[in-house]
Amino acid sequence: MEATVTQGTLLLAMYGLGLDIPFLLAAIGFNWFIMSLKVLRRWARPIQGVAGILLVVIGILLVTGEFAAISASLADLGQWINLEL
């Protein structure tokens, strides 16, 4: 049993690293891209502020359970879209 738990833990750790590494590289690359453009450099702080506020709002919605209700309402809107080709 212990070998199975150890193996499972190792597999889960590798899975986690496999998810983390691409997102970390994307974040580093995006930050380098934003800071290298002079036009967007002055907008970087306001965009970060808005993104931070959005993260806090979504966190509050998740904690209160309202996020699920909003997601369900938005999913219902998808029935109005006709994607037949």
N, C-alpha and C. Protein backbone atom coordinates (compact mmCIF):
# COMPACT_ATOMS: atom_id res chain seq x y z
N MET A 1 0.83 -1.20 0.00
CA MET A 1 0.00 0.00 0.00
C MET A 1 0.86 1.25 0.00
N GLU A 2 1.95 1.22 0.78
CA GLU A 2 2.79 2.41 0.89
C GLU A 2 3.45 2.76 -0.44
N ALA A 3 3.82 1.76 -1.22
CA ALA A 3 4.42 2.01 -2.53
C ALA A 3 3.42 2.70 -3.44
N THR A 4 2.15 2.34 -3.34
CA THR A 4 1.11 2.96 -4.17
C THR A 4 0.92 4.42 -3.78
N VAL A 5 0.93 4.71 -2.49
CA VAL A 5 0.77 6.08 -2.02
C VAL A 5 1.96 6.92 -2.46
N THR A 6 3.15 6.37 -2.32
CA THR A 6 4.36 7.08 -2.73
C THR A 6 4.35 7.33 -4.23
N GLN A 7 3.99 6.33 -4.99
CA GLN A 7 3.94 6.48 -6.44
C GLN A 7 2.87 7.50 -6.84
N GLY A 8 1.74 7.44 -6.18
CA GLY A 8 0.67 8.40 -6.47
C GLY A 8 1.09 9.83 -6.15
N THR A 9 1.78 9.99 -5.03
CA THR A 9 2.25 11.32 -4.65
C THR A 9 3.26 11.84 -5.66
N LEU A 10 4.16 10.98 -6.10
CA LEU A 10 5.15 11.38 -7.10
C LEU A 10 4.48 11.75 -8.42
N LEU A 11 3.51 10.95 -8.84
CA LEU A 11 2.80 11.27 -10.08
C LEU A 11 2.04 12.58 -9.97
N LEU A 12 1.41 12.82 -8.82
CA LEU A 12 0.69 14.08 -8.62
C LEU A 12 1.64 15.27 -8.61
N ALA A 13 2.82 15.11 -8.02
CA ALA A 13 3.81 16.19 -8.02
C ALA A 13 4.28 16.49 -9.44
N MET A 14 4.54 15.47 -10.22
CA MET A 14 4.96 15.68 -11.61
C MET A 14 3.85 16.34 -12.43
N TYR A 15 2.62 15.93 -12.19
CA TYR A 15 1.48 16.54 -12.87
C TYR A 15 1.39 18.03 -12.52
N GLY A 16 1.58 18.33 -11.24
CA GLY A 16 1.55 19.73 -10.80
C GLY A 16 2.66 20.55 -11.44
N LEU A 17 3.86 20.00 -11.51
CA LEU A 17 4.96 20.70 -12.17
C LEU A 17 4.67 20.89 -13.65
N GLY A 18 4.07 19.88 -14.25
CA GLY A 18 3.73 19.99 -15.67
C GLY A 18 2.72 21.09 -15.93
N LEU A 19 1.86 21.36 -14.98
CA LEU A 19 0.92 22.46 -15.13
C LEU A 19 1.56 23.80 -14.80
N ASP A 20 2.43 23.81 -13.80
CA ASP A 20 3.02 25.07 -13.33
C ASP A 20 4.01 25.66 -14.32
N ILE A 21 4.84 24.84 -14.89
CA ILE A 21 5.94 25.34 -15.72
C ILE A 21 5.45 26.15 -16.92
N PRO A 22 4.48 25.67 -17.71
CA PRO A 22 4.03 26.49 -18.84
C PRO A 22 3.41 27.82 -18.41
N PHE A 23 2.64 27.81 -17.31
CA PHE A 23 2.04 29.05 -16.84
C PHE A 23 3.11 30.02 -16.32
N LEU A 24 4.11 29.50 -15.65
CA LEU A 24 5.20 30.35 -15.15
C LEU A 24 5.97 30.97 -16.32
N LEU A 25 6.28 30.17 -17.32
CA LEU A 25 6.98 30.70 -18.50
C LEU A 25 6.13 31.73 -19.24
N ALA A 26 4.84 31.47 -19.34
CA ALA A 26 3.95 32.44 -20.00
C ALA A 26 3.90 33.75 -19.23
N ALA A 27 3.87 33.67 -17.90
CA ALA A 27 3.84 34.88 -17.09
C ALA A 27 5.13 35.68 -17.24
N ILE A 28 6.25 34.99 -17.24
CA ILE A 28 7.54 35.67 -17.41
C ILE A 28 7.63 36.28 -18.80
N GLY A 29 7.21 35.53 -19.81
CA GLY A 29 7.24 36.05 -21.18
C GLY A 29 6.31 37.22 -21.37
N PHE A 30 5.14 37.16 -20.78
CA PHE A 30 4.18 38.26 -20.91
C PHE A 30 4.70 39.51 -20.22
N ASN A 31 5.27 39.34 -19.04
CA ASN A 31 5.83 40.49 -18.32
C ASN A 31 6.95 41.12 -19.13
N TRP A 32 7.83 40.32 -19.72
CA TRP A 32 8.92 40.85 -20.55
C TRP A 32 8.35 41.57 -21.76
N PHE A 33 7.32 41.00 -22.39
CA PHE A 33 6.70 41.59 -23.57
C PHE A 33 6.09 42.95 -23.24
N ILE A 34 5.34 43.01 -22.16
CA ILE A 34 4.68 44.26 -21.76
C ILE A 34 5.71 45.34 -21.44
N MET A 35 6.73 44.99 -20.69
CA MET A 35 7.72 45.98 -20.28
C MET A 35 8.63 46.40 -21.43
N SER A 36 8.69 45.62 -22.49
CA SER A 36 9.55 45.99 -23.61
C SER A 36 8.87 46.94 -24.59
N LEU A 37 7.58 47.06 -24.50
CA LEU A 37 6.87 47.96 -25.40
C LEU A 37 6.64 49.31 -24.72
N LYS A 38 7.16 50.34 -25.31
CA LYS A 38 7.05 51.66 -24.71
C LYS A 38 5.60 52.16 -24.69
N VAL A 39 4.84 51.80 -25.70
CA VAL A 39 3.45 52.26 -25.77
C VAL A 39 2.62 51.67 -24.64
N LEU A 40 2.84 50.40 -24.35
CA LEU A 40 2.05 49.74 -23.32
C LEU A 40 2.61 49.92 -21.91
N ARG A 41 3.83 50.42 -21.83
CA ARG A 41 4.47 50.54 -20.52
C ARG A 41 3.68 51.46 -19.58
N ARG A 42 3.12 52.54 -20.11
CA ARG A 42 2.38 53.46 -19.24
C ARG A 42 1.04 52.89 -18.82
N TRP A 43 0.55 51.86 -19.54
CA TRP A 43 -0.73 51.25 -19.21
C TRP A 43 -0.56 50.00 -18.34
N ALA A 44 0.66 49.57 -18.07
CA ALA A 44 0.89 48.33 -17.33
C ALA A 44 0.31 48.40 -15.92
N ARG A 45 0.55 49.47 -15.21
CA ARG A 45 0.05 49.58 -13.83
C ARG A 45 -1.47 49.63 -13.77
N PRO A 46 -2.14 50.43 -14.60
CA PRO A 46 -3.61 50.41 -14.55
C PRO A 46 -4.19 49.04 -14.91
N ILE A 47 -3.59 48.35 -15.87
CA ILE A 47 -4.07 47.02 -16.25
C ILE A 47 -3.87 46.05 -15.08
N GLN A 48 -2.74 46.15 -14.40
CA GLN A 48 -2.50 45.29 -13.24
C GLN A 48 -3.50 45.59 -12.13
N GLY A 49 -3.82 46.86 -11.95
CA GLY A 49 -4.80 47.23 -10.92
C GLY A 49 -6.18 46.67 -11.23
N VAL A 50 -6.61 46.81 -12.48
CA VAL A 50 -7.91 46.28 -12.88
C VAL A 50 -7.92 44.76 -12.76
N ALA A 51 -6.85 44.10 -13.16
CA ALA A 51 -6.77 42.65 -13.06
C ALA A 51 -6.82 42.21 -11.60
N GLY A 52 -6.15 42.94 -10.72
CA GLY A 52 -6.18 42.62 -9.30
C GLY A 52 -7.58 42.76 -8.71
N ILE A 53 -8.25 43.84 -9.07
CA ILE A 53 -9.62 44.04 -8.59
C ILE A 53 -10.53 42.93 -9.11
N LEU A 54 -10.36 42.55 -10.37
CA LEU A 54 -11.16 41.48 -10.96
C LEU A 54 -10.91 40.16 -10.23
N LEU A 55 -9.66 39.87 -9.87
CA LEU A 55 -9.36 38.66 -9.12
C LEU A 55 -10.02 38.66 -7.74
N VAL A 56 -10.02 39.80 -7.08
CA VAL A 56 -10.66 39.90 -5.76
C VAL A 56 -12.16 39.70 -5.89
N VAL A 57 -12.78 40.32 -6.89
CA VAL A 57 -14.22 40.18 -7.10
C VAL A 57 -14.58 38.72 -7.39
N ILE A 58 -13.82 38.08 -8.26
CA ILE A 58 -14.10 36.67 -8.57
C ILE A 58 -13.88 35.80 -7.33
N GLY A 59 -12.88 36.10 -6.54
CA GLY A 59 -12.67 35.36 -5.29
C GLY A 59 -13.83 35.49 -4.34
N ILE A 60 -14.36 36.71 -4.20
CA ILE A 60 -15.53 36.93 -3.34
C ILE A 60 -16.73 36.17 -3.88
N LEU A 61 -16.92 36.19 -5.20
CA LEU A 61 -18.03 35.45 -5.80
C LEU A 61 -17.89 33.95 -5.56
N LEU A 62 -16.67 33.43 -5.64
CA LEU A 62 -16.45 32.00 -5.38
C LEU A 62 -16.75 31.65 -3.93
N VAL A 63 -16.31 32.49 -3.00
CA VAL A 63 -16.51 32.20 -1.58
C VAL A 63 -17.99 32.26 -1.21
N THR A 64 -18.71 33.21 -1.78
CA THR A 64 -20.14 33.36 -1.45
C THR A 64 -21.02 32.40 -2.23
N GLY A 65 -20.48 31.73 -3.25
CA GLY A 65 -21.27 30.80 -4.04
C GLY A 65 -22.02 31.43 -5.19
N GLU A 66 -21.85 32.71 -5.39
CA GLU A 66 -22.56 33.41 -6.46
C GLU A 66 -21.95 33.14 -7.83
N PHE A 67 -20.69 32.72 -7.85
CA PHE A 67 -20.03 32.46 -9.13
C PHE A 67 -20.72 31.34 -9.89
N ALA A 68 -21.18 30.31 -9.17
CA ALA A 68 -21.88 29.19 -9.80
C ALA A 68 -23.19 29.67 -10.42
N ALA A 69 -23.90 30.56 -9.73
CA ALA A 69 -25.16 31.07 -10.26
C ALA A 69 -24.92 31.90 -11.52
N ILE A 70 -23.89 32.71 -11.50
CA ILE A 70 -23.57 33.52 -12.68
C ILE A 70 -23.15 32.62 -13.84
N SER A 71 -22.35 31.59 -13.54
CA SER A 71 -21.93 30.65 -14.59
C SER A 71 -23.13 29.94 -15.19
N ALA A 72 -24.08 29.55 -14.37
CA ALA A 72 -25.28 28.87 -14.87
C ALA A 72 -26.10 29.81 -15.75
N SER A 73 -26.20 31.07 -15.35
CA SER A 73 -26.95 32.04 -16.15
C SER A 73 -26.28 32.26 -17.50
N LEU A 74 -24.96 32.35 -17.49
CA LEU A 74 -24.24 32.53 -18.76
C LEU A 74 -24.33 31.29 -19.63
N ALA A 75 -24.36 30.11 -19.02
CA ALA A 75 -24.51 28.88 -19.79
C ALA A 75 -25.87 28.84 -20.47
N ASP A 76 -26.90 29.36 -19.80
CA ASP A 76 -28.23 29.41 -20.40
C ASP A 76 -28.26 30.33 -21.61
N LEU A 77 -27.45 31.37 -21.61
CA LEU A 77 -27.39 32.27 -22.77
C LEU A 77 -26.84 31.56 -24.00
N GLY A 78 -26.04 30.53 -23.79
CA GLY A 78 -25.47 29.80 -24.90
C GLY A 78 -26.50 29.08 -25.75
N GLN A 79 -27.67 28.86 -25.20
CA GLN A 79 -28.72 28.21 -25.98
C GLN A 79 -29.28 29.12 -27.06
N TRP A 80 -29.08 30.39 -26.93
CA TRP A 80 -29.59 31.35 -27.92
C TRP A 80 -28.69 31.40 -29.16
N ILE A 81 -27.47 30.89 -29.04
CA ILE A 81 -26.52 30.97 -30.14
C ILE A 81 -26.68 29.74 -31.03
N ASN A 82 -26.87 29.95 -32.31
CA ASN A 82 -27.03 28.87 -33.25
C ASN A 82 -25.72 28.71 -34.01
N LEU A 83 -25.05 27.59 -33.79
CA LEU A 83 -23.75 27.36 -34.42
C LEU A 83 -23.83 26.31 -35.53
N GLU A 84 -24.99 26.05 -36.06
CA GLU A 84 -25.10 25.08 -37.14
C GLU A 84 -24.42 25.62 -38.37
N LEU A 85 -23.59 24.77 -38.97
CA LEU A 85 -22.84 25.20 -40.17
C LEU A 85 -23.46 24.63 -41.41
